[in-house]
Amino acid sequence: MKSTPKPRNAGILGVVLLAAFIGLWQLAAGAGWLSNLAPTPARTGNRAIELLSDPFYRDGPASQGIFWHLLASLRRVLIGFLIATVIAVPLGFVLGRSTTLRWAVDPMVQILRPVSPLAWLPLGLALLSDAERTAIFVIVLSALWPTLVNTIDAVRTIHPTYLELTATLGTPWWSKVAYVMLPSALPGIVTGLRLSLSTSWLVIIAAEMLVGGEGIGFFVWNMWNRLDIDAIVVSIVIIGLTGLILDHLIAALQKVVRYD
């Protein structure tokens, strides 16, 4: 299925809307409609130049450039996301193929899945006694469920003809998984991975505000303690752009494996 091409004037419209937003922002700030702490476009732009002009400096654990905070967050997300993927995909295959086991496990999945990942923070700190490992623990729990649920659904909906054909030919189980089940379920799995990665990026920001140390979430909280609201706005833009890039990376993979 071919995707609908984007209109040529979409980029122009986007620029116009962005300019209108900045204009309204400046108007609201200049007219006194916002509090005294509210940032302005000019101050935010100047603060962005300051932060991005030297993002690699390091004067100690408590004083370092925004690049290192972003890198720390990405590292935690990547580690937690990979651990969750290694757990969720094989488990999803097992549960997707076994109705009895799936029904037995489903109540536990349905109970744990809606729990906010941040609710696990105190337990993680109690069990692991380490802020870094606790942050990764929270990311694992954030990324686990979307991939697991989508993998189960993808395996369940594999066309029965494919499986019947492998049974007729006496195909070994490992060959059936590698050459039939995995390619058939891959689009659904990648959809789960996309949801898991975006959820992980959302959660790590909030988790880092609580566990401290380093990370873009910790940077935002630290700037709030300093009442540097302009730096917070810059951080929000960086967080959003990073999330957009991560989502597009998985979306590109999704386009490769999708087929009709």
C-alpha atoms as a PDB file:
ATOM      1  CA  MET A   1       0.000   0.000   0.000  1.00  0.00           C
ATOM      2  CA  LYS A   2       1.457   3.320  -1.068  1.00  0.00           C
ATOM      3  CA  SER A   3       1.405   6.170   1.404  1.00  0.00           C
ATOM      4  CA  THR A   4      -0.317   9.395   0.436  1.00  0.00           C
ATOM      5  CA  PRO A   5       2.284  12.035  -0.535  1.00  0.00           C
ATOM      6  CA  LYS A   6       2.468  15.067   1.700  1.00  0.00           C
ATOM      7  CA  PRO A   7       1.189  18.337   0.219  1.00  0.00           C
ATOM      8  CA  ARG A   8       3.964  20.604  -0.992  1.00  0.00           C
ATOM      9  CA  ASN A   9       2.665  23.534   1.021  1.00  0.00           C
ATOM     10  CA  ALA A  10       2.686  21.578   4.313  1.00  0.00           C
ATOM     11  CA  GLY A  11       6.155  22.882   5.162  1.00  0.00           C
ATOM     12  CA  ILE A  12       5.126  26.466   4.475  1.00  0.00           C
ATOM     13  CA  LEU A  13       2.016  26.071   6.608  1.00  0.00           C
ATOM     14  CA  GLY A  14       4.121  24.619   9.408  1.00  0.00           C
ATOM     15  CA  VAL A  15       6.455  27.625   9.355  1.00  0.00           C
ATOM     16  CA  VAL A  16       3.506  30.014   9.377  1.00  0.00           C
ATOM     17  CA  LEU A  17       1.928  28.252  12.351  1.00  0.00           C
ATOM     18  CA  LEU A  18       5.233  28.267  14.227  1.00  0.00           C
ATOM     19  CA  ALA A  19       5.668  31.985  13.571  1.00  0.00           C
ATOM     20  CA  ALA A  20       2.124  32.637  14.737  1.00  0.00           C
ATOM     21  CA  PHE A  21       2.734  30.674  17.929  1.00  0.00           C
ATOM     22  CA  ILE A  22       5.919  32.610  18.685  1.00  0.00           C
ATOM     23  CA  GLY A  23       4.121  35.866  17.948  1.00  0.00           C
ATOM     24  CA  LEU A  24       1.274  35.008  20.343  1.00  0.00           C
ATOM     25  CA  TRP A  25       3.813  33.909  22.935  1.00  0.00           C
ATOM     26  CA  GLN A  26       5.644  37.228  22.688  1.00  0.00           C
ATOM     27  CA  LEU A  27       2.368  39.151  22.798  1.00  0.00           C
ATOM     28  CA  ALA A  28       1.187  37.315  25.917  1.00  0.00           C
ATOM     29  CA  ALA A  29       4.514  37.848  27.677  1.00  0.00           C
ATOM     30  CA  GLY A  30       4.772  41.507  26.665  1.00  0.00           C
ATOM     31  CA  ALA A  31       1.180  42.297  27.668  1.00  0.00           C
ATOM     32  CA  GLY A  32       1.675  40.913  31.147  1.00  0.00           C
ATOM     33  CA  TRP A  33      -0.823  38.090  30.701  1.00  0.00           C
ATOM     34  CA  LEU A  34       1.702  35.634  32.121  1.00  0.00           C
ATOM     35  CA  SER A  35       3.599  35.543  35.407  1.00  0.00           C
ATOM     36  CA  ASN A  36       6.932  37.254  35.942  1.00  0.00           C
ATOM     37  CA  LEU A  37       8.682  33.895  35.682  1.00  0.00           C
ATOM     38  CA  ALA A  38       7.262  33.223  32.228  1.00  0.00           C
ATOM     39  CA  PRO A  39       9.932  32.968  29.512  1.00  0.00           C
ATOM     40  CA  THR A  40       9.922  35.079  26.365  1.00  0.00           C
ATOM     41  CA  PRO A  41      10.982  34.009  22.875  1.00  0.00           C
ATOM     42  CA  ALA A  42      13.973  36.368  22.903  1.00  0.00           C
ATOM     43  CA  ARG A  43      15.289  35.215  26.280  1.00  0.00           C
ATOM     44  CA  THR A  44      14.697  31.584  25.394  1.00  0.00           C
ATOM     45  CA  GLY A  45      16.592  31.996  22.128  1.00  0.00           C
ATOM     46  CA  ASN A  46      19.530  33.603  23.909  1.00  0.00           C
ATOM     47  CA  ARG A  47      19.540  30.851  26.533  1.00  0.00           C
ATOM     48  CA  ALA A  48      19.496  28.214  23.796  1.00  0.00           C
ATOM     49  CA  ILE A  49      22.568  29.790  22.237  1.00  0.00           C
ATOM     50  CA  GLU A  50      24.325  29.747  25.616  1.00  0.00           C
ATOM     51  CA  LEU A  51      23.497  26.098  26.316  1.00  0.00           C
ATOM     52  CA  LEU A  52      24.257  24.822  22.828  1.00  0.00           C
ATOM     53  CA  SER A  53      27.413  26.854  22.306  1.00  0.00           C
ATOM     54  CA  ASP A  54      29.267  24.718  24.858  1.00  0.00           C
ATOM     55  CA  PRO A  55      27.291  21.493  25.424  1.00  0.00           C
ATOM     56  CA  PHE A  56      30.370  19.324  26.122  1.00  0.00           C
ATOM     57  CA  TYR A  57      31.910  21.022  29.154  1.00  0.00           C
ATOM     58  CA  ARG A  58      32.495  19.071  32.356  1.00  0.00           C
ATOM     59  CA  ASP A  59      33.380  20.716  35.651  1.00  0.00           C
ATOM     60  CA  GLY A  60      32.308  17.793  37.824  1.00  0.00           C
ATOM     61  CA  PRO A  61      29.300  15.490  38.297  1.00  0.00           C
ATOM     62  CA  ALA A  62      27.017  18.383  39.264  1.00  0.00           C
ATOM     63  CA  SER A  63      28.192  20.740  36.531  1.00  0.00           C
ATOM     64  CA  GLN A  64      28.273  19.484  32.958  1.00  0.00           C
ATOM     65  CA  GLY A  65      26.984  20.402  29.537  1.00  0.00           C
ATOM     66  CA  ILE A  66      23.536  19.499  28.297  1.00  0.00           C
ATOM     67  CA  PHE A  67      24.988  16.965  25.832  1.00  0.00           C
ATOM     68  CA  TRP A  68      26.148  14.713  28.679  1.00  0.00           C
ATOM     69  CA  HIS A  69      22.739  14.887  30.325  1.00  0.00           C
ATOM     70  CA  LEU A  70      21.073  13.935  27.038  1.00  0.00           C
ATOM     71  CA  LEU A  71      23.580  11.135  26.498  1.00  0.00           C
ATOM     72  CA  ALA A  72      22.927   9.743  29.979  1.00  0.00           C
ATOM     73  CA  SER A  73      19.175   9.660  29.313  1.00  0.00           C
ATOM     74  CA  LEU A  74      19.631   7.992  25.929  1.00  0.00           C
ATOM     75  CA  ARG A  75      21.964   5.401  27.448  1.00  0.00           C
ATOM     76  CA  ARG A  76      19.429   4.484  30.127  1.00  0.00           C
ATOM     77  CA  VAL A  77      16.621   4.274  27.599  1.00  0.00           C
ATOM     78  CA  LEU A  78      18.649   2.132  25.206  1.00  0.00           C
ATOM     79  CA  ILE A  79      19.751  -0.326  27.897  1.00  0.00           C
ATOM     80  CA  GLY A  80      16.257  -0.656  29.379  1.00  0.00           C
ATOM     81  CA  PHE A  81      14.652  -0.891  25.940  1.00  0.00           C
ATOM     82  CA  LEU A  82      17.015  -3.681  24.831  1.00  0.00           C
ATOM     83  CA  ILE A  83      16.484  -5.648  28.043  1.00  0.00           C
ATOM     84  CA  ALA A  84      12.713  -5.329  27.669  1.00  0.00           C
ATOM     85  CA  THR A  85      12.905  -6.420  24.023  1.00  0.00           C
ATOM     86  CA  VAL A  86      14.973  -9.502  24.870  1.00  0.00           C
ATOM     87  CA  ILE A  87      12.357 -10.484  27.458  1.00  0.00           C
ATOM     88  CA  ALA A  88       9.163  -9.464  25.651  1.00  0.00           C
ATOM     89  CA  VAL A  89       9.710 -10.902  22.162  1.00  0.00           C
ATOM     90  CA  PRO A  90      10.507 -14.531  23.121  1.00  0.00           C
ATOM     91  CA  LEU A  91       7.864 -14.475  25.851  1.00  0.00           C
ATOM     92  CA  GLY A  92       5.358 -13.059  23.375  1.00  0.00           C
ATOM     93  CA  PHE A  93       6.076 -15.928  20.976  1.00  0.00           C
ATOM     94  CA  VAL A  94       5.517 -18.486  23.723  1.00  0.00           C
ATOM     95  CA  LEU A  95       2.290 -16.906  24.945  1.00  0.00           C
ATOM     96  CA  GLY A  96       1.077 -16.315  21.396  1.00  0.00           C
ATOM     97  CA  ARG A  97       1.406 -20.008  20.552  1.00  0.00           C
ATOM     98  CA  SER A  98       0.056 -21.455  23.820  1.00  0.00           C
ATOM     99  CA  THR A  99      -3.571 -20.590  24.571  1.00  0.00           C
ATOM    100  CA  THR A 100      -3.497 -22.308  27.968  1.00  0.00           C
ATOM    101  CA  LEU A 101      -0.360 -20.504  29.102  1.00  0.00           C
ATOM    102  CA  ARG A 102      -1.659 -17.200  27.742  1.00  0.00           C
ATOM    103  CA  TRP A 103      -4.894 -17.489  29.692  1.00  0.00           C
ATOM    104  CA  ALA A 104      -2.964 -18.423  32.822  1.00  0.00           C
ATOM    105  CA  VAL A 105      -0.642 -15.414  32.545  1.00  0.00           C
ATOM    106  CA  ASP A 106      -3.187 -12.901  31.259  1.00  0.00           C
ATOM    107  CA  PRO A 107      -4.574 -11.840  34.683  1.00  0.00           C
ATOM    108  CA  MET A 108      -1.086 -10.967  35.911  1.00  0.00           C
ATOM    109  CA  VAL A 109      -0.318  -9.058  32.710  1.00  0.00           C
ATOM    110  CA  GLN A 110      -3.577  -7.122  32.901  1.00  0.00           C
ATOM    111  CA  ILE A 111      -2.929  -6.212  36.557  1.00  0.00           C
ATOM    112  CA  LEU A 112       0.665  -5.066  36.088  1.00  0.00           C
ATOM    113  CA  ARG A 113       0.342  -3.393  32.689  1.00  0.00           C
ATOM    114  CA  PRO A 114      -1.760  -0.355  33.792  1.00  0.00           C
ATOM    115  CA  VAL A 115       0.531   0.441  36.744  1.00  0.00           C
ATOM    116  CA  SER A 116       2.396   3.699  36.196  1.00  0.00           C
ATOM    117  CA  PRO A 117       6.117   2.998  35.741  1.00  0.00           C
ATOM    118  CA  LEU A 118       6.904   5.729  38.268  1.00  0.00           C
ATOM    119  CA  ALA A 119       5.034   3.736  40.911  1.00  0.00           C
ATOM    120  CA  TRP A 120       7.848   1.182  40.652  1.00  0.00           C
ATOM    121  CA  LEU A 121      10.521   3.759  41.548  1.00  0.00           C
ATOM    122  CA  PRO A 122      10.361   3.318  45.345  1.00  0.00           C
ATOM    123  CA  LEU A 123      10.391  -0.466  44.972  1.00  0.00           C
ATOM    124  CA  GLY A 124      13.316  -0.256  42.570  1.00  0.00           C
ATOM    125  CA  LEU A 125      15.290   1.902  44.973  1.00  0.00           C
ATOM    126  CA  ALA A 126      14.509  -0.510  47.814  1.00  0.00           C
ATOM    127  CA  LEU A 127      15.540  -3.575  45.800  1.00  0.00           C
ATOM    128  CA  LEU A 128      18.526  -2.198  43.908  1.00  0.00           C
ATOM    129  CA  SER A 129      19.788   0.595  46.206  1.00  0.00           C
ATOM    130  CA  ASP A 130      21.161   2.407  43.171  1.00  0.00           C
ATOM    131  CA  ALA A 131      19.659   5.320  41.240  1.00  0.00           C
ATOM    132  CA  GLU A 132      21.186   4.299  37.891  1.00  0.00           C
ATOM    133  CA  ARG A 133      19.936   0.725  38.013  1.00  0.00           C
ATOM    134  CA  THR A 134      16.561   1.879  39.331  1.00  0.00           C
ATOM    135  CA  ALA A 135      16.120   4.198  36.331  1.00  0.00           C
ATOM    136  CA  ILE A 136      16.897   1.316  33.972  1.00  0.00           C
ATOM    137  CA  PHE A 137      14.537  -0.937  35.963  1.00  0.00           C
ATOM    138  CA  VAL A 138      11.722   1.553  35.434  1.00  0.00           C
ATOM    139  CA  ILE A 139      12.481   1.749  31.704  1.00  0.00           C
ATOM    140  CA  VAL A 140      12.368  -2.049  31.415  1.00  0.00           C
ATOM    141  CA  LEU A 141       8.899  -2.081  32.958  1.00  0.00           C
ATOM    142  CA  SER A 142       7.818   0.786  30.693  1.00  0.00           C
ATOM    143  CA  ALA A 143       9.016  -0.856  27.498  1.00  0.00           C
ATOM    144  CA  LEU A 144       8.015  -4.423  28.355  1.00  0.00           C
ATOM    145  CA  TRP A 145       4.249  -4.318  27.988  1.00  0.00           C
ATOM    146  CA  PRO A 146       3.712  -2.689  24.550  1.00  0.00           C
ATOM    147  CA  THR A 147       6.191  -5.059  22.907  1.00  0.00           C
ATOM    148  CA  LEU A 148       4.834  -8.092  24.753  1.00  0.00           C
ATOM    149  CA  VAL A 149       1.180  -7.410  23.934  1.00  0.00           C
ATOM    150  CA  ASN A 150       1.874  -6.614  20.267  1.00  0.00           C
ATOM    151  CA  THR A 151       4.096  -9.685  19.878  1.00  0.00           C
ATOM    152  CA  ILE A 152       1.382 -11.928  21.339  1.00  0.00           C
ATOM    153  CA  ASP A 153      -1.223 -10.481  18.970  1.00  0.00           C
ATOM    154  CA  ALA A 154       1.136 -10.717  15.986  1.00  0.00           C
ATOM    155  CA  VAL A 155       1.917 -14.379  16.667  1.00  0.00           C
ATOM    156  CA  ARG A 156      -1.743 -15.236  17.246  1.00  0.00           C
ATOM    157  CA  THR A 157      -2.757 -13.745  13.901  1.00  0.00           C
ATOM    158  CA  ILE A 158      -0.197 -15.619  11.791  1.00  0.00           C
ATOM    159  CA  HIS A 159      -2.061 -17.182   8.889  1.00  0.00           C
ATOM    160  CA  PRO A 160      -2.862 -20.828   9.786  1.00  0.00           C
ATOM    161  CA  THR A 161      -1.976 -21.974   6.274  1.00  0.00           C
ATOM    162  CA  TYR A 162       1.677 -21.099   6.855  1.00  0.00           C
ATOM    163  CA  LEU A 163       1.821 -23.176  10.025  1.00  0.00           C
ATOM    164  CA  GLU A 164      -0.074 -26.087   8.478  1.00  0.00           C
ATOM    165  CA  LEU A 165       2.352 -26.099   5.569  1.00  0.00           C
ATOM    166  CA  THR A 166       5.373 -26.279   7.879  1.00  0.00           C
ATOM    167  CA  ALA A 167       3.731 -29.155   9.785  1.00  0.00           C
ATOM    168  CA  THR A 168       3.052 -31.020   6.533  1.00  0.00           C
ATOM    169  CA  LEU A 169       6.655 -30.611   5.406  1.00  0.00           C
ATOM    170  CA  GLY A 170       8.017 -31.630   8.794  1.00  0.00           C
ATOM    171  CA  THR A 171       9.883 -28.347   9.215  1.00  0.00           C
ATOM    172  CA  PRO A 172      12.073 -28.203  12.360  1.00  0.00           C
ATOM    173  CA  TRP A 173      10.740 -25.862  15.049  1.00  0.00           C
ATOM    174  CA  TRP A 174      13.723 -23.501  14.839  1.00  0.00           C
ATOM    175  CA  SER A 175      13.336 -23.219  11.070  1.00  0.00           C
ATOM    176  CA  LYS A 176       9.587 -22.608  11.453  1.00  0.00           C
ATOM    177  CA  VAL A 177      10.251 -19.798  13.919  1.00  0.00           C
ATOM    178  CA  ALA A 178      13.070 -18.201  11.913  1.00  0.00           C
ATOM    179  CA  TYR A 179      11.599 -18.426   8.417  1.00  0.00           C
ATOM    180  CA  VAL A 180       7.831 -18.432   8.915  1.00  0.00           C
ATOM    181  CA  MET A 181       6.672 -17.129  12.283  1.00  0.00           C
ATOM    182  CA  LEU A 182       9.186 -14.319  12.777  1.00  0.00           C
ATOM    183  CA  PRO A 183       8.769 -12.745   9.303  1.00  0.00           C
ATOM    184  CA  SER A 184       4.974 -12.976   9.612  1.00  0.00           C
ATOM    185  CA  ALA A 185       4.890 -11.433  13.082  1.00  0.00           C
ATOM    186  CA  LEU A 186       7.624  -8.850  12.491  1.00  0.00           C
ATOM    187  CA  PRO A 187       5.354  -5.921  11.480  1.00  0.00           C
ATOM    188  CA  GLY A 188       3.366  -6.291  14.693  1.00  0.00           C
ATOM    189  CA  ILE A 189       6.520  -6.659  16.765  1.00  0.00           C
ATOM    190  CA  VAL A 190       8.004  -3.477  15.311  1.00  0.00           C
ATOM    191  CA  THR A 191       4.779  -1.628  16.122  1.00  0.00           C
ATOM    192  CA  GLY A 192       5.210  -2.729  19.729  1.00  0.00           C
ATOM    193  CA  LEU A 193       8.853  -1.649  19.701  1.00  0.00           C
ATOM    194  CA  ARG A 194       7.837   1.793  18.467  1.00  0.00           C
ATOM    195  CA  LEU A 195       5.341   2.196  21.285  1.00  0.00           C
ATOM    196  CA  SER A 196       7.838   0.875  23.823  1.00  0.00           C
ATOM    197  CA  LEU A 197      10.580   3.278  22.771  1.00  0.00           C
ATOM    198  CA  SER A 198       8.332   6.332  22.845  1.00  0.00           C
ATOM    199  CA  THR A 199       6.977   5.318  26.257  1.00  0.00           C
ATOM    200  CA  SER A 200      10.504   4.780  27.570  1.00  0.00           C
ATOM    201  CA  TRP A 201      11.559   8.252  26.494  1.00  0.00           C
ATOM    202  CA  LEU A 202       8.523   9.769  28.196  1.00  0.00           C
ATOM    203  CA  VAL A 203       9.148   7.917  31.451  1.00  0.00           C
ATOM    204  CA  ILE A 204      12.897   8.478  31.770  1.00  0.00           C
ATOM    205  CA  ILE A 205      12.436  12.253  31.975  1.00  0.00           C
ATOM    206  CA  ALA A 206      10.108  11.965  34.955  1.00  0.00           C
ATOM    207  CA  ALA A 207      12.208   9.220  36.559  1.00  0.00           C
ATOM    208  CA  GLU A 208      15.369  11.311  36.375  1.00  0.00           C
ATOM    209  CA  MET A 209      13.645  14.183  38.145  1.00  0.00           C
ATOM    210  CA  LEU A 210      13.180  11.843  41.105  1.00  0.00           C
ATOM    211  CA  VAL A 211      16.383   9.768  41.116  1.00  0.00           C
ATOM    212  CA  GLY A 212      18.674  12.747  40.394  1.00  0.00           C
ATOM    213  CA  GLY A 213      22.328  12.450  39.435  1.00  0.00           C
ATOM    214  CA  GLU A 214      22.378  13.235  35.737  1.00  0.00           C
ATOM    215  CA  GLY A 215      20.141  13.070  32.704  1.00  0.00           C
ATOM    216  CA  ILE A 216      17.974  15.517  30.819  1.00  0.00           C
ATOM    217  CA  GLY A 217      15.157  15.068  33.345  1.00  0.00           C
ATOM    218  CA  PHE A 218      17.531  15.906  36.190  1.00  0.00           C
ATOM    219  CA  PHE A 219      18.720  18.916  34.177  1.00  0.00           C
ATOM    220  CA  VAL A 220      15.143  20.210  33.887  1.00  0.00           C
ATOM    221  CA  TRP A 221      14.572  19.811  37.630  1.00  0.00           C
ATOM    222  CA  ASN A 222      17.898  21.452  38.417  1.00  0.00           C
ATOM    223  CA  MET A 223      16.999  24.427  36.229  1.00  0.00           C
ATOM    224  CA  TRP A 224      13.681  24.722  38.039  1.00  0.00           C
ATOM    225  CA  ASN A 225      15.495  24.878  41.365  1.00  0.00           C
ATOM    226  CA  ARG A 226      17.485  27.753  39.901  1.00  0.00           C
ATOM    227  CA  LEU A 227      14.314  29.332  38.460  1.00  0.00           C
ATOM    228  CA  ASP A 228      15.957  29.229  35.023  1.00  0.00           C
ATOM    229  CA  ILE A 229      12.692  28.841  33.114  1.00  0.00           C
ATOM    230  CA  ASP A 230      14.287  29.741  29.776  1.00  0.00           C
ATOM    231  CA  ALA A 231      16.629  26.747  30.084  1.00  0.00           C
ATOM    232  CA  ILE A 232      13.634  24.541  30.863  1.00  0.00           C
ATOM    233  CA  VAL A 233      11.945  25.597  27.614  1.00  0.00           C
ATOM    234  CA  VAL A 234      15.138  24.824  25.695  1.00  0.00           C
ATOM    235  CA  SER A 235      15.287  21.424  27.380  1.00  0.00           C
ATOM    236  CA  ILE A 236      11.667  20.713  26.445  1.00  0.00           C
ATOM    237  CA  VAL A 237      12.426  21.428  22.795  1.00  0.00           C
ATOM    238  CA  ILE A 238      15.488  19.153  22.911  1.00  0.00           C
ATOM    239  CA  ILE A 239      13.457  16.395  24.568  1.00  0.00           C
ATOM    240  CA  GLY A 240      10.768  16.709  21.912  1.00  0.00           C
ATOM    241  CA  LEU A 241      13.237  16.684  19.019  1.00  0.00           C
ATOM    242  CA  THR A 242      15.043  13.658  20.449  1.00  0.00           C
ATOM    243  CA  GLY A 243      11.756  11.806  20.831  1.00  0.00           C
ATOM    244  CA  LEU A 244      10.878  12.696  17.243  1.00  0.00           C
ATOM    245  CA  ILE A 245      14.181  11.303  15.983  1.00  0.00           C
ATOM    246  CA  LEU A 246      13.794   8.082  17.979  1.00  0.00           C
ATOM    247  CA  ASP A 247      10.264   7.600  16.684  1.00  0.00           C
ATOM    248  CA  HIS A 248      11.341   8.191  13.082  1.00  0.00           C
ATOM    249  CA  LEU A 249      14.130   5.625  13.435  1.00  0.00           C
ATOM    250  CA  ILE A 250      11.649   2.929  14.454  1.00  0.00           C
ATOM    251  CA  ALA A 251       9.141   4.173  11.876  1.00  0.00           C
ATOM    252  CA  ALA A 252      11.778   3.699   9.171  1.00  0.00           C
ATOM    253  CA  LEU A 253      12.261   0.116  10.337  1.00  0.00           C
ATOM    254  CA  GLN A 254       8.490  -0.338  10.347  1.00  0.00           C
ATOM    255  CA  LYS A 255       8.276   0.704   6.693  1.00  0.00           C
ATOM    256  CA  VAL A 256      10.940  -1.836   5.780  1.00  0.00           C
ATOM    257  CA  VAL A 257       9.229  -4.812   7.394  1.00  0.00           C
ATOM    258  CA  ARG A 258       5.642  -3.874   6.536  1.00  0.00           C
ATOM    259  CA  TYR A 259       4.143  -5.754   3.668  1.00  0.00           C
ATOM    260  CA  ASP A 260       0.709  -6.386   2.250  1.00  0.00           C
END
